[in-house]
Amino acid sequence: LYLATDPAVADTTGAYFIARKPVSPAPQAQDPDLARRLWEISAQRAGLVGG
């Protein structure tokens, strides 16, 4: 709710917040190979692709 209502962060995009403070995401969250694999597994389990 904080990020949606506080004018102090109205222009902030693409950031992760914990306890109303921006933090860096975990290294795994920034790994493009893991992101692609997560997407593939999620799409498969959601029935969006065959296999």
Protein backbone atom coordinates (compact mmCIF):
# COMPACT_ATOMS: atom_id res chain seq x y z
CA LEU A 1 0.00 0.00 0.00
CA TYR A 2 2.91 2.31 0.78
CA LEU A 3 4.26 2.25 -2.77
CA ALA A 4 0.83 2.91 -4.25
CA THR A 5 -0.03 5.85 -2.01
CA ASP A 6 3.08 7.72 -0.85
CA PRO A 7 3.97 10.70 -3.07
CA ALA A 8 7.63 10.36 -2.05
CA VAL A 9 7.94 7.24 -4.22
CA ALA A 10 5.46 8.17 -6.94
CA ASP A 11 8.19 8.39 -9.59
CA THR A 12 10.10 5.30 -8.44
CA THR A 13 9.92 2.31 -10.78
CA GLY A 14 11.72 -0.99 -11.07
CA ALA A 15 12.83 -1.12 -7.44
CA TYR A 16 12.37 -3.69 -4.70
CA PHE A 17 11.34 -2.46 -1.27
CA ILE A 18 11.58 -3.96 2.19
CA ALA A 19 10.23 -2.00 5.15
CA ARG A 20 9.69 1.04 2.90
CA LYS A 21 13.32 1.12 1.80
CA PRO A 22 14.72 0.20 -1.62
CA VAL A 23 16.94 -2.87 -1.58
CA SER A 24 18.91 -4.80 -4.17
CA PRO A 25 17.27 -8.03 -5.31
CA ALA A 26 18.98 -11.35 -4.64
CA PRO A 27 21.58 -12.34 -7.24
CA GLN A 28 19.32 -15.18 -8.41
CA ALA A 29 16.62 -12.63 -9.27
CA GLN A 30 19.03 -10.96 -11.68
CA ASP A 31 20.17 -14.14 -13.44
CA PRO A 32 18.78 -14.18 -17.00
CA ASP A 33 19.26 -17.95 -17.35
CA LEU A 34 17.23 -18.62 -14.21
CA ALA A 35 14.59 -16.13 -15.35
CA ARG A 36 14.22 -17.92 -18.68
CA ARG A 37 13.98 -21.32 -16.98
CA LEU A 38 11.39 -20.02 -14.51
CA TRP A 39 9.35 -18.63 -17.41
CA GLU A 40 9.52 -21.94 -19.29
CA ILE A 41 8.46 -24.00 -16.27
CA SER A 42 5.68 -21.55 -15.35
CA ALA A 43 4.30 -21.49 -18.89
CA GLN A 44 4.38 -25.27 -19.07
CA ARG A 45 2.62 -25.72 -15.73
CA ALA A 46 0.02 -23.12 -16.67
CA GLY A 47 -0.71 -25.05 -19.85
CA LEU A 48 0.51 -22.29 -22.13
CA VAL A 49 2.96 -24.54 -23.99
CA GLY A 50 3.10 -28.22 -24.82
CA GLY A 51 5.17 -30.79 -23.09
